């Protein structure tokens, strides 16, 4: 039971970090794209 809880908590933590990292990359990419478009104009 304790092991299952630890694995579940670890899985949730990894999922959270992956989701946060993905959102950060998407946001960074969008900002960089917008900055590039503004510079071209």
N, C-alpha and C. Protein backbone atom coordinates (compact mmCIF):
# COMPACT_ATOMS: atom_id res chain seq x y z
N UNK A 1 0.84 -1.20 0.00
CA UNK A 1 0.00 0.00 0.00
C UNK A 1 0.88 1.24 0.00
N UNK A 2 1.89 1.25 0.85
CA UNK A 2 2.79 2.40 0.93
C UNK A 2 3.58 2.53 -0.37
N UNK A 3 4.01 1.38 -0.90
CA UNK A 3 4.77 1.40 -2.15
C UNK A 3 3.89 1.92 -3.28
N UNK A 4 2.64 1.47 -3.31
CA UNK A 4 1.71 1.91 -4.35
C UNK A 4 1.51 3.43 -4.26
N UNK A 5 1.38 3.93 -3.04
CA UNK A 5 1.20 5.37 -2.85
C UNK A 5 2.42 6.15 -3.31
N UNK A 6 3.59 5.60 -3.05
CA UNK A 6 4.83 6.27 -3.45
C UNK A 6 4.94 6.31 -4.97
N UNK A 7 4.62 5.18 -5.61
CA UNK A 7 4.69 5.11 -7.08
C UNK A 7 3.66 6.06 -7.69
N UNK A 8 2.46 6.08 -7.11
CA UNK A 8 1.41 6.96 -7.63
C UNK A 8 1.81 8.42 -7.48
N UNK A 9 2.36 8.77 -6.33
CA UNK A 9 2.79 10.14 -6.09
C UNK A 9 3.92 10.53 -7.04
N UNK A 10 4.84 9.59 -7.27
CA UNK A 10 5.96 9.85 -8.18
C UNK A 10 5.45 10.06 -9.60
N UNK A 11 4.48 9.22 -10.00
CA UNK A 11 3.91 9.32 -11.35
C UNK A 11 3.21 10.67 -11.53
N UNK A 12 2.48 11.10 -10.49
CA UNK A 12 1.79 12.38 -10.56
C UNK A 12 2.79 13.53 -10.65
N UNK A 13 3.88 13.42 -9.89
CA UNK A 13 4.91 14.46 -9.89
C UNK A 13 5.56 14.56 -11.27
N UNK A 14 5.91 13.41 -11.84
CA UNK A 14 6.54 13.38 -13.17
C UNK A 14 5.57 13.96 -14.21
N UNK A 15 4.30 13.55 -14.13
CA UNK A 15 3.30 14.05 -15.07
C UNK A 15 3.15 15.56 -14.96
N UNK A 16 3.16 16.06 -13.72
CA UNK A 16 3.02 17.49 -13.48
C UNK A 16 4.22 18.25 -14.06
N UNK A 17 5.42 17.72 -13.84
CA UNK A 17 6.63 18.36 -14.35
C UNK A 17 6.65 18.36 -15.87
N UNK A 18 6.22 17.24 -16.47
CA UNK A 18 6.20 17.14 -17.93
C UNK A 18 5.20 18.14 -18.50
N UNK A 19 4.02 18.23 -17.87
CA UNK A 19 2.98 19.15 -18.34
C UNK A 19 3.46 20.59 -18.22
N UNK A 20 4.06 20.93 -17.08
CA UNK A 20 4.55 22.29 -16.86
C UNK A 20 5.66 22.63 -17.86
N UNK A 21 6.56 21.68 -18.08
CA UNK A 21 7.65 21.90 -19.02
C UNK A 21 7.12 22.10 -20.43
N UNK A 22 6.12 21.29 -20.80
CA UNK A 22 5.53 21.39 -22.13
C UNK A 22 4.87 22.76 -22.32
N UNK A 23 4.11 23.19 -21.30
CA UNK A 23 3.45 24.50 -21.38
C UNK A 23 4.48 25.62 -21.47
N UNK A 24 5.58 25.47 -20.74
CA UNK A 24 6.63 26.48 -20.75
C UNK A 24 7.26 26.58 -22.14
N UNK A 25 7.51 25.41 -22.75
CA UNK A 25 8.11 25.38 -24.09
C UNK A 25 7.16 26.00 -25.11
N UNK A 26 5.87 25.66 -25.01
CA UNK A 26 4.87 26.19 -25.94
C UNK A 26 4.77 27.71 -25.79
N UNK A 27 4.71 28.17 -24.53
CA UNK A 27 4.61 29.61 -24.27
C UNK A 27 5.86 30.33 -24.78
N UNK A 28 7.03 29.76 -24.50
CA UNK A 28 8.28 30.36 -24.95
C UNK A 28 8.34 30.41 -26.47
N UNK A 29 7.90 29.34 -27.11
CA UNK A 29 7.90 29.29 -28.57
C UNK A 29 6.96 30.34 -29.16
N UNK A 30 5.79 30.49 -28.53
CA UNK A 30 4.81 31.46 -29.02
C UNK A 30 5.34 32.88 -28.87
N UNK A 31 5.98 33.15 -27.73
CA UNK A 31 6.54 34.48 -27.49
C UNK A 31 7.67 34.77 -28.47
N UNK A 32 8.53 33.78 -28.69
CA UNK A 32 9.65 33.96 -29.62
C UNK A 32 9.12 34.17 -31.04
N UNK A 33 8.07 33.42 -31.41
CA UNK A 33 7.47 33.55 -32.74
C UNK A 33 6.87 34.95 -32.92
N UNK A 34 6.16 35.42 -31.89
CA UNK A 34 5.55 36.75 -31.96
C UNK A 34 6.63 37.82 -32.06
N UNK A 35 7.71 37.67 -31.30
CA UNK A 35 8.80 38.64 -31.33
C UNK A 35 9.44 38.66 -32.71
N UNK A 36 9.58 37.50 -33.32
CA UNK A 36 10.18 37.42 -34.66
C UNK A 36 9.27 38.09 -35.69
N UNK A 37 7.97 37.84 -35.58
CA UNK A 37 7.02 38.45 -36.51
C UNK A 37 7.05 39.98 -36.38
N UNK A 38 7.09 40.47 -35.16
CA UNK A 38 7.12 41.91 -34.93
C UNK A 38 8.40 42.52 -35.48
N UNK A 39 9.51 41.79 -35.36
CA UNK A 39 10.79 42.29 -35.84
C UNK A 39 10.78 42.35 -37.37
N UNK A 40 10.17 41.35 -37.99
CA UNK A 40 10.11 41.32 -39.45
C UNK A 40 9.25 42.46 -39.98
N UNK A 41 8.20 42.78 -39.25
CA UNK A 41 7.34 43.88 -39.67
C UNK A 41 7.99 45.19 -39.24
